[in-house]
N, C-alpha and C. Protein backbone atom coordinates (compact mmCIF):
# COMPACT_ATOMS: atom_id res chain seq x y z
N UNK A 1 12.37 25.60 3.14
CA UNK A 1 13.05 25.56 4.41
C UNK A 1 14.15 24.51 4.37
N UNK A 2 14.99 24.51 5.43
CA UNK A 2 16.08 23.56 5.50
C UNK A 2 15.59 22.13 5.59
N UNK A 3 14.48 21.93 6.32
CA UNK A 3 13.94 20.58 6.47
C UNK A 3 13.46 20.02 5.14
N UNK A 4 12.75 20.85 4.36
CA UNK A 4 12.26 20.43 3.06
C UNK A 4 13.42 20.12 2.12
N UNK A 5 14.46 20.95 2.18
CA UNK A 5 15.62 20.74 1.32
C UNK A 5 16.32 19.43 1.68
N UNK A 6 16.46 19.14 2.96
CA UNK A 6 17.10 17.90 3.38
C UNK A 6 16.30 16.69 2.92
N UNK A 7 14.97 16.78 3.01
CA UNK A 7 14.11 15.68 2.56
C UNK A 7 14.26 15.47 1.07
N UNK A 8 14.34 16.58 0.30
CA UNK A 8 14.51 16.49 -1.15
C UNK A 8 15.84 15.83 -1.50
N UNK A 9 16.89 16.22 -0.79
CA UNK A 9 18.20 15.62 -1.03
C UNK A 9 18.21 14.14 -0.67
N UNK A 10 17.50 13.79 0.40
CA UNK A 10 17.42 12.39 0.80
C UNK A 10 16.70 11.56 -0.25
N UNK A 11 15.62 12.14 -0.81
CA UNK A 11 14.87 11.42 -1.85
C UNK A 11 15.72 11.24 -3.11
N UNK A 12 16.48 12.28 -3.48
CA UNK A 12 17.34 12.16 -4.67
C UNK A 12 18.40 11.10 -4.46
N UNK A 13 18.96 11.03 -3.25
CA UNK A 13 19.96 10.01 -2.95
C UNK A 13 19.36 8.62 -3.03
N UNK A 14 18.12 8.49 -2.56
CA UNK A 14 17.44 7.20 -2.61
C UNK A 14 17.17 6.77 -4.04
N UNK A 15 16.83 7.73 -4.91
CA UNK A 15 16.55 7.41 -6.31
C UNK A 15 17.79 6.89 -7.02
N UNK A 16 18.97 7.32 -6.58
CA UNK A 16 20.21 6.89 -7.22
C UNK A 16 20.60 5.47 -6.84
N UNK A 17 19.95 4.92 -5.81
CA UNK A 17 20.22 3.55 -5.38
C UNK A 17 19.53 2.58 -6.33
N UNK A 18 20.23 1.54 -6.81
CA UNK A 18 19.60 0.58 -7.71
C UNK A 18 18.36 -0.05 -7.08
N UNK A 19 17.38 -0.34 -7.92
CA UNK A 19 16.14 -0.94 -7.44
C UNK A 19 16.41 -2.37 -6.96
N UNK A 20 16.05 -2.68 -5.70
CA UNK A 20 16.31 -4.04 -5.20
C UNK A 20 15.51 -5.08 -5.98
N UNK A 21 16.04 -6.30 -6.03
CA UNK A 21 15.33 -7.37 -6.72
C UNK A 21 14.04 -7.72 -5.98
N UNK A 22 14.06 -7.61 -4.65
CA UNK A 22 12.88 -7.89 -3.84
C UNK A 22 12.77 -6.79 -2.79
N UNK A 23 11.57 -6.25 -2.63
CA UNK A 23 11.31 -5.25 -1.60
C UNK A 23 10.18 -5.75 -0.69
N UNK A 24 10.32 -5.47 0.58
CA UNK A 24 9.25 -5.77 1.54
C UNK A 24 8.88 -4.45 2.21
N UNK A 25 7.65 -4.02 1.99
CA UNK A 25 7.17 -2.75 2.53
C UNK A 25 5.98 -3.03 3.45
N UNK A 26 5.88 -2.26 4.51
CA UNK A 26 4.81 -2.43 5.49
C UNK A 26 3.97 -1.17 5.54
N UNK A 27 2.65 -1.36 5.55
CA UNK A 27 1.75 -0.20 5.71
C UNK A 27 0.86 -0.43 6.93
N UNK A 28 0.81 0.58 7.78
CA UNK A 28 -0.05 0.53 8.97
C UNK A 28 -1.22 1.48 8.73
N UNK A 29 -2.42 0.93 8.62
CA UNK A 29 -3.57 1.78 8.33
C UNK A 29 -4.05 2.49 9.60
N UNK A 30 -4.74 3.61 9.43
CA UNK A 30 -5.31 4.29 10.61
C UNK A 30 -6.52 3.53 11.13
N UNK A 31 -6.92 3.83 12.36
CA UNK A 31 -8.12 3.21 12.92
C UNK A 31 -9.36 3.71 12.18
N UNK A 32 -10.32 2.82 11.97
CA UNK A 32 -11.57 3.19 11.32
C UNK A 32 -12.50 3.85 12.33
N UNK A 33 -13.55 4.48 11.81
CA UNK A 33 -14.47 5.21 12.67
C UNK A 33 -15.11 4.30 13.71
N UNK A 34 -15.53 3.10 13.29
CA UNK A 34 -16.19 2.21 14.25
C UNK A 34 -15.21 1.67 15.28
N UNK A 35 -13.93 1.54 14.91
CA UNK A 35 -12.93 1.09 15.86
C UNK A 35 -12.69 2.14 16.94
N UNK A 36 -12.65 3.39 16.52
CA UNK A 36 -12.50 4.47 17.49
C UNK A 36 -13.73 4.57 18.39
N UNK A 37 -14.92 4.37 17.78
CA UNK A 37 -16.16 4.45 18.56
C UNK A 37 -16.23 3.36 19.63
N UNK A 38 -15.62 2.23 19.36
CA UNK A 38 -15.62 1.14 20.34
C UNK A 38 -14.44 1.21 21.30
N UNK A 39 -13.64 2.28 21.18
CA UNK A 39 -12.56 2.48 22.14
C UNK A 39 -11.27 1.77 21.83
N UNK A 40 -11.13 1.27 20.60
CA UNK A 40 -9.88 0.59 20.25
C UNK A 40 -8.76 1.61 20.09
N UNK A 41 -7.53 1.14 20.29
CA UNK A 41 -6.37 2.01 20.13
C UNK A 41 -5.21 1.25 19.53
N UNK A 42 -4.14 1.96 19.26
CA UNK A 42 -2.93 1.35 18.72
C UNK A 42 -1.78 1.72 19.63
N UNK A 43 -1.58 0.91 20.67
CA UNK A 43 -0.60 1.25 21.69
C UNK A 43 0.58 0.29 21.74
N UNK A 44 0.52 -0.80 20.99
CA UNK A 44 1.59 -1.81 21.03
C UNK A 44 2.44 -1.82 19.77
N UNK A 45 2.25 -0.83 18.91
CA UNK A 45 2.96 -0.80 17.64
C UNK A 45 3.48 0.60 17.38
N UNK A 46 4.76 0.70 17.08
CA UNK A 46 5.38 1.98 16.72
C UNK A 46 5.99 1.86 15.33
N UNK A 47 5.65 2.80 14.47
CA UNK A 47 6.14 2.77 13.09
C UNK A 47 7.06 3.94 12.84
N UNK A 48 8.25 3.66 12.36
CA UNK A 48 9.18 4.68 11.90
C UNK A 48 9.11 4.69 10.39
N UNK A 49 8.35 5.66 9.86
CA UNK A 49 8.04 5.67 8.44
C UNK A 49 9.20 6.07 7.55
N UNK A 50 8.99 5.88 6.24
CA UNK A 50 9.98 6.26 5.24
C UNK A 50 10.72 5.05 4.70
N UNK A 51 11.61 5.32 3.76
CA UNK A 51 12.44 4.26 3.22
C UNK A 51 13.41 3.76 4.28
N UNK A 52 13.64 2.47 4.24
CA UNK A 52 14.43 1.80 5.28
C UNK A 52 13.83 2.13 6.64
N UNK A 53 12.51 1.93 6.76
CA UNK A 53 11.81 2.19 8.00
C UNK A 53 11.81 0.96 8.90
N UNK A 54 11.14 1.09 10.03
CA UNK A 54 11.11 -0.02 10.98
C UNK A 54 9.79 -0.05 11.72
N UNK A 55 9.45 -1.22 12.21
CA UNK A 55 8.27 -1.45 13.05
C UNK A 55 8.75 -1.99 14.39
N UNK A 56 8.28 -1.39 15.47
CA UNK A 56 8.62 -1.86 16.80
C UNK A 56 7.37 -2.37 17.49
N UNK A 57 7.41 -3.62 17.92
CA UNK A 57 6.30 -4.23 18.66
C UNK A 57 6.61 -4.14 20.14
N UNK A 58 5.72 -3.51 20.89
CA UNK A 58 5.94 -3.30 22.31
C UNK A 58 5.30 -4.41 23.13
N UNK A 59 5.82 -4.68 24.32
CA UNK A 59 5.21 -5.71 25.18
C UNK A 59 3.83 -5.26 25.63
N UNK A 60 2.91 -6.19 25.80
CA UNK A 60 1.57 -5.83 26.29
C UNK A 60 1.66 -5.40 27.74
N UNK A 61 0.73 -4.57 28.19
CA UNK A 61 0.76 -4.14 29.59
C UNK A 61 0.55 -5.32 30.53
N UNK A 62 1.29 -5.33 31.63
CA UNK A 62 1.18 -6.42 32.59
C UNK A 62 -0.06 -6.24 33.44
N UNK A 63 -0.77 -7.31 33.65
CA UNK A 63 -1.95 -7.30 34.51
C UNK A 63 -1.84 -8.44 35.50
N UNK A 64 -2.57 -8.32 36.58
CA UNK A 64 -2.52 -9.39 37.59
C UNK A 64 -3.33 -10.59 37.11
N UNK A 65 -3.24 -11.65 37.86
CA UNK A 65 -3.92 -12.88 37.46
C UNK A 65 -5.42 -12.70 37.36
N UNK A 66 -5.98 -11.78 38.15
CA UNK A 66 -7.42 -11.56 38.11
C UNK A 66 -7.85 -10.99 36.78
N UNK A 67 -6.91 -10.32 36.10
CA UNK A 67 -7.24 -9.74 34.80
C UNK A 67 -7.13 -10.73 33.67
N UNK A 68 -6.64 -11.93 33.95
CA UNK A 68 -6.60 -12.95 32.91
C UNK A 68 -5.31 -12.98 32.14
N UNK A 69 -4.32 -12.18 32.51
CA UNK A 69 -3.06 -12.18 31.76
C UNK A 69 -1.93 -12.58 32.71
N UNK A 70 -1.15 -11.64 33.16
CA UNK A 70 -0.09 -11.97 34.10
C UNK A 70 1.05 -12.73 33.45
N UNK A 71 1.30 -13.98 33.90
CA UNK A 71 2.42 -14.77 33.40
C UNK A 71 2.33 -15.00 31.90
N UNK A 72 1.10 -15.12 31.38
CA UNK A 72 0.94 -15.36 29.95
C UNK A 72 1.47 -14.18 29.14
N UNK A 73 1.18 -12.95 29.58
CA UNK A 73 1.64 -11.78 28.85
C UNK A 73 3.16 -11.67 28.88
N UNK A 74 3.78 -12.11 30.00
CA UNK A 74 5.23 -12.07 30.10
C UNK A 74 5.87 -13.05 29.13
N UNK A 75 5.20 -14.18 28.90
CA UNK A 75 5.76 -15.19 28.01
C UNK A 75 5.65 -14.78 26.55
N UNK A 76 4.67 -13.94 26.22
CA UNK A 76 4.47 -13.54 24.83
C UNK A 76 5.61 -12.64 24.36
N UNK A 77 5.88 -11.58 25.08
CA UNK A 77 6.91 -10.63 24.67
C UNK A 77 7.40 -9.91 25.92
N UNK A 78 8.69 -10.04 26.20
CA UNK A 78 9.25 -9.46 27.41
C UNK A 78 9.83 -8.07 27.18
N UNK A 79 10.28 -7.80 25.95
CA UNK A 79 10.87 -6.50 25.64
C UNK A 79 10.53 -6.12 24.20
N UNK A 80 10.65 -4.85 23.86
CA UNK A 80 10.32 -4.42 22.50
C UNK A 80 11.17 -5.14 21.45
N UNK A 81 10.56 -5.40 20.31
CA UNK A 81 11.27 -6.02 19.19
C UNK A 81 11.07 -5.17 17.95
N UNK A 82 12.16 -4.87 17.26
CA UNK A 82 12.11 -4.01 16.08
C UNK A 82 12.45 -4.81 14.83
N UNK A 83 11.77 -4.45 13.74
CA UNK A 83 11.98 -5.12 12.45
C UNK A 83 12.15 -4.04 11.38
N UNK A 84 13.16 -4.19 10.54
CA UNK A 84 13.44 -3.22 9.48
C UNK A 84 12.91 -3.71 8.14
N UNK A 85 12.45 -2.76 7.31
CA UNK A 85 11.91 -3.09 6.00
C UNK A 85 12.40 -2.08 4.97
N UNK A 86 12.19 -2.40 3.69
CA UNK A 86 12.61 -1.46 2.65
C UNK A 86 11.89 -0.13 2.75
N UNK A 87 10.65 -0.18 3.22
CA UNK A 87 9.88 1.05 3.45
C UNK A 87 8.76 0.74 4.43
N UNK A 88 8.43 1.74 5.24
CA UNK A 88 7.32 1.63 6.19
C UNK A 88 6.41 2.83 6.00
N UNK A 89 5.12 2.56 5.85
CA UNK A 89 4.13 3.62 5.64
C UNK A 89 3.23 3.69 6.87
N UNK A 90 3.28 4.80 7.56
CA UNK A 90 2.47 4.98 8.76
C UNK A 90 1.03 5.32 8.44
N UNK A 91 0.18 5.44 9.46
CA UNK A 91 -1.25 5.71 9.24
C UNK A 91 -1.52 7.01 8.48
N UNK A 92 -0.61 7.97 8.58
CA UNK A 92 -0.82 9.27 7.93
C UNK A 92 -0.33 9.29 6.49
N UNK A 93 0.24 8.20 6.02
CA UNK A 93 0.84 8.16 4.69
C UNK A 93 -0.23 8.16 3.59
N UNK A 94 -0.05 8.98 2.55
CA UNK A 94 -1.00 9.05 1.45
C UNK A 94 -0.70 7.99 0.40
N UNK A 95 -1.65 7.80 -0.52
CA UNK A 95 -1.45 6.84 -1.61
C UNK A 95 -0.25 7.24 -2.48
N UNK A 96 -0.10 8.54 -2.73
CA UNK A 96 1.01 9.01 -3.54
C UNK A 96 2.34 8.72 -2.87
N UNK A 97 2.41 8.94 -1.57
CA UNK A 97 3.64 8.68 -0.82
C UNK A 97 3.98 7.20 -0.83
N UNK A 98 2.97 6.36 -0.74
CA UNK A 98 3.20 4.91 -0.80
C UNK A 98 3.85 4.54 -2.13
N UNK A 99 3.29 5.02 -3.22
CA UNK A 99 3.81 4.68 -4.55
C UNK A 99 5.20 5.26 -4.77
N UNK A 100 5.44 6.46 -4.26
CA UNK A 100 6.75 7.07 -4.42
C UNK A 100 7.82 6.29 -3.66
N UNK A 101 7.52 5.94 -2.41
CA UNK A 101 8.53 5.31 -1.58
C UNK A 101 8.77 3.85 -1.95
N UNK A 102 7.77 3.20 -2.52
CA UNK A 102 7.99 1.83 -2.99
C UNK A 102 8.55 1.80 -4.40
N UNK A 103 8.73 3.01 -4.99
CA UNK A 103 9.35 3.19 -6.31
C UNK A 103 8.55 2.48 -7.40
N UNK A 104 7.24 2.76 -7.40
CA UNK A 104 6.35 2.17 -8.38
C UNK A 104 6.76 2.52 -9.80
N UNK A 105 7.11 3.78 -10.05
CA UNK A 105 7.48 4.21 -11.40
C UNK A 105 8.70 3.44 -11.90
N UNK A 106 9.67 3.18 -11.01
CA UNK A 106 10.85 2.41 -11.42
C UNK A 106 10.48 0.98 -11.77
N UNK A 107 9.55 0.39 -11.01
CA UNK A 107 9.11 -0.97 -11.31
C UNK A 107 8.42 -1.05 -12.67
N UNK A 108 7.55 -0.08 -12.94
CA UNK A 108 6.88 -0.05 -14.24
C UNK A 108 7.89 0.18 -15.36
N UNK A 109 8.92 0.98 -15.07
CA UNK A 109 9.98 1.20 -16.05
C UNK A 109 10.69 -0.10 -16.42
N UNK A 110 10.89 -0.96 -15.41
CA UNK A 110 11.50 -2.25 -15.69
C UNK A 110 10.61 -3.09 -16.61
N UNK A 111 9.30 -3.02 -16.38
CA UNK A 111 8.36 -3.75 -17.24
C UNK A 111 8.45 -3.22 -18.68
N UNK A 112 8.49 -1.90 -18.83
CA UNK A 112 8.59 -1.31 -20.16
C UNK A 112 9.90 -1.70 -20.85
N UNK A 113 10.93 -2.00 -20.06
CA UNK A 113 12.22 -2.42 -20.62
C UNK A 113 12.26 -3.91 -20.93
N UNK A 114 11.18 -4.64 -20.57
CA UNK A 114 11.12 -6.05 -20.92
C UNK A 114 11.33 -7.01 -19.78
N UNK A 115 11.37 -6.50 -18.55
CA UNK A 115 11.56 -7.37 -17.39
C UNK A 115 10.21 -7.62 -16.71
N UNK A 116 10.16 -8.71 -15.95
CA UNK A 116 8.96 -9.02 -15.18
C UNK A 116 9.02 -8.30 -13.83
N UNK A 117 7.87 -7.88 -13.34
CA UNK A 117 7.76 -7.25 -12.02
C UNK A 117 6.43 -7.66 -11.40
N UNK A 118 6.43 -7.89 -10.12
CA UNK A 118 5.23 -8.31 -9.40
C UNK A 118 5.07 -7.48 -8.13
N UNK A 119 3.85 -7.01 -7.91
CA UNK A 119 3.51 -6.32 -6.67
C UNK A 119 2.29 -7.02 -6.09
N UNK A 120 2.37 -7.47 -4.87
CA UNK A 120 1.20 -8.06 -4.25
C UNK A 120 1.10 -7.62 -2.79
N UNK A 121 -0.14 -7.57 -2.31
CA UNK A 121 -0.40 -7.16 -0.93
C UNK A 121 -0.79 -8.39 -0.14
N UNK A 122 -0.22 -8.52 1.05
CA UNK A 122 -0.49 -9.67 1.90
C UNK A 122 -0.85 -9.17 3.30
N UNK A 123 -1.90 -9.72 3.85
CA UNK A 123 -2.29 -9.31 5.19
C UNK A 123 -3.66 -9.88 5.53
N UNK A 124 -4.03 -9.75 6.79
CA UNK A 124 -5.30 -10.30 7.23
C UNK A 124 -6.46 -9.46 6.71
N UNK A 125 -7.66 -10.01 6.80
CA UNK A 125 -8.86 -9.30 6.36
C UNK A 125 -9.03 -8.00 7.15
N UNK A 126 -9.26 -6.92 6.42
CA UNK A 126 -9.46 -5.63 7.07
C UNK A 126 -8.19 -4.85 7.31
N UNK A 127 -7.05 -5.34 6.82
CA UNK A 127 -5.78 -4.65 7.07
C UNK A 127 -5.50 -3.53 6.08
N UNK A 128 -6.30 -3.42 5.01
CA UNK A 128 -6.13 -2.31 4.07
C UNK A 128 -5.54 -2.69 2.73
N UNK A 129 -5.57 -3.97 2.38
CA UNK A 129 -4.98 -4.41 1.10
C UNK A 129 -5.72 -3.81 -0.10
N UNK A 130 -7.05 -3.89 -0.07
CA UNK A 130 -7.83 -3.40 -1.21
C UNK A 130 -7.66 -1.90 -1.38
N UNK A 131 -7.64 -1.16 -0.28
CA UNK A 131 -7.45 0.28 -0.37
C UNK A 131 -6.08 0.61 -0.96
N UNK A 132 -5.06 -0.12 -0.55
CA UNK A 132 -3.71 0.13 -1.05
C UNK A 132 -3.59 -0.22 -2.53
N UNK A 133 -4.17 -1.34 -2.94
CA UNK A 133 -4.01 -1.78 -4.32
C UNK A 133 -4.98 -1.09 -5.27
N UNK A 134 -6.22 -0.85 -4.84
CA UNK A 134 -7.22 -0.22 -5.70
C UNK A 134 -7.44 1.24 -5.32
N UNK A 135 -7.87 1.45 -4.10
CA UNK A 135 -8.13 2.81 -3.63
C UNK A 135 -9.49 3.35 -3.99
N UNK A 136 -10.35 2.55 -4.61
CA UNK A 136 -11.65 3.04 -5.05
C UNK A 136 -12.60 3.22 -3.86
N UNK A 137 -13.55 4.10 -4.04
CA UNK A 137 -14.59 4.28 -3.04
C UNK A 137 -15.63 3.18 -3.21
N UNK A 138 -16.23 2.77 -2.10
CA UNK A 138 -17.25 1.72 -2.12
C UNK A 138 -18.50 2.20 -1.40
N UNK A 139 -19.64 1.75 -1.91
CA UNK A 139 -20.91 1.99 -1.24
C UNK A 139 -21.26 0.73 -0.48
N UNK A 140 -21.24 0.82 0.84
CA UNK A 140 -21.49 -0.35 1.67
C UNK A 140 -22.99 -0.56 1.84
N UNK A 141 -23.43 -1.75 1.44
CA UNK A 141 -24.85 -2.09 1.49
C UNK A 141 -25.14 -2.77 2.82
N UNK A 142 -25.34 -2.00 3.85
CA UNK A 142 -25.57 -2.55 5.19
C UNK A 142 -26.97 -3.12 5.29
N UNK A 143 -27.10 -4.13 6.17
CA UNK A 143 -28.42 -4.71 6.38
C UNK A 143 -29.27 -3.82 7.25
N UNK A 144 -28.64 -2.91 7.97
CA UNK A 144 -29.37 -1.99 8.84
C UNK A 144 -29.10 -0.57 8.39
N UNK A 145 -29.41 0.41 9.24
CA UNK A 145 -29.15 1.80 8.89
C UNK A 145 -27.68 2.04 8.64
N UNK A 146 -27.38 2.83 7.61
CA UNK A 146 -25.99 3.15 7.28
C UNK A 146 -25.36 3.94 8.42
N UNK A 147 -24.26 3.44 8.91
CA UNK A 147 -23.59 4.10 10.02
C UNK A 147 -22.11 3.76 9.96
N UNK A 148 -21.28 4.73 9.60
CA UNK A 148 -19.86 4.49 9.44
C UNK A 148 -19.17 4.19 10.75
N UNK A 149 -19.85 4.46 11.86
CA UNK A 149 -19.25 4.20 13.15
C UNK A 149 -19.64 2.84 13.70
N UNK A 150 -20.29 2.01 12.87
CA UNK A 150 -20.69 0.67 13.28
C UNK A 150 -19.75 -0.36 12.67
N UNK A 151 -19.48 -1.40 13.42
CA UNK A 151 -18.62 -2.47 12.93
C UNK A 151 -19.29 -3.19 11.77
N UNK A 152 -18.51 -3.69 10.80
CA UNK A 152 -19.10 -4.42 9.68
C UNK A 152 -19.81 -5.68 10.16
N UNK A 153 -20.87 -6.04 9.45
CA UNK A 153 -21.67 -7.21 9.82
C UNK A 153 -21.66 -8.22 8.70
N UNK A 154 -21.65 -9.48 9.06
CA UNK A 154 -21.70 -10.55 8.06
C UNK A 154 -23.05 -10.59 7.35
N UNK A 155 -24.04 -9.91 7.92
CA UNK A 155 -25.37 -9.89 7.31
C UNK A 155 -25.49 -8.83 6.21
N UNK A 156 -24.51 -7.95 6.14
CA UNK A 156 -24.54 -6.91 5.13
C UNK A 156 -24.27 -7.45 3.74
N UNK A 157 -24.79 -6.77 2.74
CA UNK A 157 -24.57 -7.20 1.37
C UNK A 157 -23.22 -6.72 0.87
N UNK A 158 -22.76 -7.31 -0.24
CA UNK A 158 -21.46 -6.99 -0.80
C UNK A 158 -21.41 -5.52 -1.22
N UNK A 159 -20.37 -4.77 -0.82
CA UNK A 159 -20.29 -3.36 -1.19
C UNK A 159 -20.08 -3.19 -2.69
N UNK A 160 -20.54 -2.07 -3.22
CA UNK A 160 -20.43 -1.77 -4.65
C UNK A 160 -19.37 -0.70 -4.87
N UNK A 161 -18.51 -0.95 -5.87
CA UNK A 161 -17.44 -0.01 -6.15
C UNK A 161 -18.00 1.24 -6.83
N UNK A 162 -17.42 2.39 -6.52
CA UNK A 162 -17.85 3.67 -7.09
C UNK A 162 -16.61 4.36 -7.65
N UNK A 163 -16.20 3.90 -8.84
CA UNK A 163 -14.97 4.42 -9.45
C UNK A 163 -15.11 5.89 -9.80
N UNK A 164 -16.27 6.27 -10.37
CA UNK A 164 -16.46 7.67 -10.78
C UNK A 164 -16.44 8.62 -9.60
N UNK A 165 -16.82 8.13 -8.43
CA UNK A 165 -16.87 8.97 -7.24
C UNK A 165 -15.54 9.00 -6.49
N UNK A 166 -14.53 8.31 -7.02
CA UNK A 166 -13.24 8.22 -6.34
C UNK A 166 -12.32 9.34 -6.81
N UNK A 167 -11.84 10.20 -5.93
CA UNK A 167 -10.87 11.23 -6.34
C UNK A 167 -9.54 10.59 -6.74
N UNK A 168 -8.86 11.20 -7.70
CA UNK A 168 -7.62 10.61 -8.22
C UNK A 168 -6.56 10.43 -7.14
N UNK A 169 -6.52 11.34 -6.17
CA UNK A 169 -5.51 11.23 -5.12
C UNK A 169 -5.72 9.99 -4.27
N UNK A 170 -6.90 9.38 -4.35
CA UNK A 170 -7.21 8.19 -3.57
C UNK A 170 -6.85 6.90 -4.32
N UNK A 171 -6.54 7.02 -5.62
CA UNK A 171 -6.23 5.83 -6.41
C UNK A 171 -5.05 5.08 -5.82
N UNK A 172 -5.13 3.74 -5.90
CA UNK A 172 -4.09 2.89 -5.35
C UNK A 172 -3.06 2.49 -6.39
N UNK A 173 -2.35 1.42 -6.08
CA UNK A 173 -1.21 1.00 -6.89
C UNK A 173 -1.63 0.58 -8.29
N UNK A 174 -2.70 -0.20 -8.41
CA UNK A 174 -3.09 -0.73 -9.73
C UNK A 174 -3.42 0.37 -10.73
N UNK A 175 -4.36 1.28 -10.45
CA UNK A 175 -4.63 2.33 -11.44
C UNK A 175 -3.44 3.24 -11.70
N UNK A 176 -2.61 3.48 -10.69
CA UNK A 176 -1.43 4.32 -10.89
C UNK A 176 -0.39 3.60 -11.76
N UNK A 177 -0.25 2.29 -11.58
CA UNK A 177 0.69 1.53 -12.40
C UNK A 177 0.25 1.50 -13.86
N UNK A 178 -1.05 1.34 -14.08
CA UNK A 178 -1.58 1.33 -15.45
C UNK A 178 -1.32 2.68 -16.12
N UNK A 179 -1.60 3.77 -15.41
CA UNK A 179 -1.36 5.10 -15.97
C UNK A 179 0.13 5.31 -16.27
N UNK A 180 0.99 4.89 -15.36
CA UNK A 180 2.43 5.04 -15.56
C UNK A 180 2.90 4.24 -16.77
N UNK A 181 2.34 3.05 -16.95
CA UNK A 181 2.73 2.22 -18.08
C UNK A 181 2.38 2.89 -19.41
N UNK A 182 1.15 3.39 -19.52
CA UNK A 182 0.75 4.03 -20.77
C UNK A 182 1.47 5.36 -20.99
N UNK A 183 1.81 6.05 -19.92
CA UNK A 183 2.61 7.27 -20.05
C UNK A 183 3.98 6.94 -20.62
N UNK A 184 4.57 5.86 -20.16
CA UNK A 184 5.88 5.45 -20.67
C UNK A 184 5.80 5.00 -22.12
N UNK A 185 4.74 4.28 -22.46
CA UNK A 185 4.56 3.87 -23.85
C UNK A 185 4.43 5.09 -24.74
N UNK A 186 3.70 6.10 -24.27
CA UNK A 186 3.54 7.33 -25.05
C UNK A 186 4.89 8.02 -25.27
N UNK A 187 5.71 8.07 -24.22
CA UNK A 187 7.03 8.71 -24.37
C UNK A 187 7.93 7.91 -25.30
N UNK A 188 7.85 6.59 -25.21
CA UNK A 188 8.65 5.74 -26.10
C UNK A 188 8.20 5.89 -27.54
N UNK A 189 6.89 6.07 -27.75
CA UNK A 189 6.38 6.26 -29.10
C UNK A 189 6.86 7.60 -29.66
N UNK A 190 6.89 8.63 -28.82
CA UNK A 190 7.38 9.93 -29.28
C UNK A 190 8.84 9.85 -29.70
N UNK A 191 9.64 9.08 -28.95
CA UNK A 191 11.06 8.94 -29.29
C UNK A 191 11.27 8.16 -30.58
N UNK A 192 10.30 7.30 -30.94
CA UNK A 192 10.45 6.46 -32.12
C UNK A 192 10.03 7.17 -33.40
N UNK A 193 9.54 8.42 -33.29
CA UNK A 193 9.09 9.15 -34.48
C UNK A 193 10.25 9.34 -35.45
N UNK A 194 11.42 9.68 -34.94
CA UNK A 194 12.58 9.88 -35.81
C UNK A 194 13.01 8.60 -36.49
N UNK A 195 12.89 7.48 -35.78
CA UNK A 195 13.27 6.20 -36.37
C UNK A 195 12.33 5.82 -37.50
N UNK A 196 11.04 6.18 -37.38
CA UNK A 196 10.07 5.87 -38.43
C UNK A 196 10.44 6.58 -39.72
N UNK A 197 10.97 7.78 -39.61
CA UNK A 197 11.36 8.53 -40.80
C UNK A 197 12.50 7.84 -41.54
N UNK A 198 13.28 7.02 -40.83
CA UNK A 198 14.39 6.31 -41.45
C UNK A 198 14.01 4.90 -41.87
N UNK A 199 12.74 4.59 -41.82
CA UNK A 199 12.29 3.29 -42.27
C UNK A 199 12.09 2.26 -41.17
N UNK A 200 12.29 2.66 -39.92
CA UNK A 200 12.08 1.75 -38.80
C UNK A 200 10.78 2.13 -38.09
N UNK A 201 10.09 1.15 -37.61
CA UNK A 201 8.83 1.41 -36.92
C UNK A 201 8.72 0.54 -35.67
N UNK A 202 8.46 1.18 -34.56
CA UNK A 202 8.26 0.47 -33.30
C UNK A 202 6.77 0.27 -33.07
N UNK A 203 6.40 -0.91 -32.63
CA UNK A 203 5.01 -1.18 -32.30
C UNK A 203 4.92 -1.51 -30.81
N UNK A 204 3.80 -1.16 -30.22
CA UNK A 204 3.59 -1.38 -28.79
C UNK A 204 2.29 -2.15 -28.61
N UNK A 205 2.36 -3.20 -27.83
CA UNK A 205 1.19 -4.03 -27.54
C UNK A 205 1.08 -4.22 -26.03
N UNK A 206 -0.05 -3.84 -25.47
CA UNK A 206 -0.30 -3.99 -24.04
C UNK A 206 -1.46 -4.95 -23.85
N UNK A 207 -1.22 -6.03 -23.12
CA UNK A 207 -2.26 -7.02 -22.85
C UNK A 207 -2.50 -7.09 -21.35
N UNK A 208 -3.75 -7.17 -20.98
CA UNK A 208 -4.13 -7.19 -19.56
C UNK A 208 -4.99 -8.41 -19.29
N UNK A 209 -4.69 -9.12 -18.21
CA UNK A 209 -5.53 -10.22 -17.77
C UNK A 209 -5.83 -10.03 -16.29
N UNK A 210 -6.92 -10.60 -15.84
CA UNK A 210 -7.34 -10.44 -14.45
C UNK A 210 -7.86 -11.76 -13.92
N UNK A 211 -7.40 -12.12 -12.75
CA UNK A 211 -7.95 -13.30 -12.08
C UNK A 211 -7.94 -13.05 -10.58
N UNK A 212 -8.79 -13.75 -9.89
CA UNK A 212 -8.90 -13.61 -8.44
C UNK A 212 -8.74 -14.96 -7.79
N UNK A 213 -7.89 -15.03 -6.79
CA UNK A 213 -7.73 -16.23 -6.00
C UNK A 213 -8.45 -16.00 -4.67
N UNK A 214 -9.49 -16.76 -4.43
CA UNK A 214 -10.30 -16.60 -3.23
C UNK A 214 -10.53 -17.95 -2.58
N UNK A 215 -10.12 -18.09 -1.34
CA UNK A 215 -10.24 -19.36 -0.62
C UNK A 215 -9.59 -20.49 -1.41
N UNK A 216 -8.38 -20.19 -1.93
CA UNK A 216 -7.56 -21.15 -2.65
C UNK A 216 -8.20 -21.62 -3.97
N UNK A 217 -9.12 -20.84 -4.47
CA UNK A 217 -9.74 -21.14 -5.76
C UNK A 217 -9.53 -19.96 -6.69
N UNK A 218 -9.23 -20.24 -7.98
CA UNK A 218 -9.03 -19.20 -8.98
C UNK A 218 -10.36 -18.86 -9.63
């Protein structure tokens, strides 16, 4: 259709734009089952998704003094405020769409060419960082009966990762970046076959390290 064609042309135009030295992307996760069960909503935030997207923060609803807000709510935000980013991912955005719009393959390509690249997720607890970066399924070890519509409890045990039970479409940035890196190495090795016949040989070495910073401790 015409809409699909326009989107394809827009994506091709975006790919022709040089990769920025620094990108800031925002992802808004959907409400969880327990949040919906408790009546929570998302009424003060509007996301315009896609590359060069924006986030609009709306003023809170005005209430009288008996409601505990009133003048305080007016002082917080009087009118909507919009912020633009390199990309904005709305609640309906898939893992694949996130990686495509943040140009993960291009970043890995820079690494394969010998440049440094860094991707990190920043946000408060429960904002979706682990899902975006890893995407693995977890088995939550609740202290009580398992119930996805219940809020998490500090009494629950640490959840266990279930990599084998995770569908590939759910994989996050880290496993996708690793796959992209080895795919590129494979293609580079195939191109070097002709050079080997002439007495030249390319070697590839991939080293991986892992560390966790938790409560300002490594």
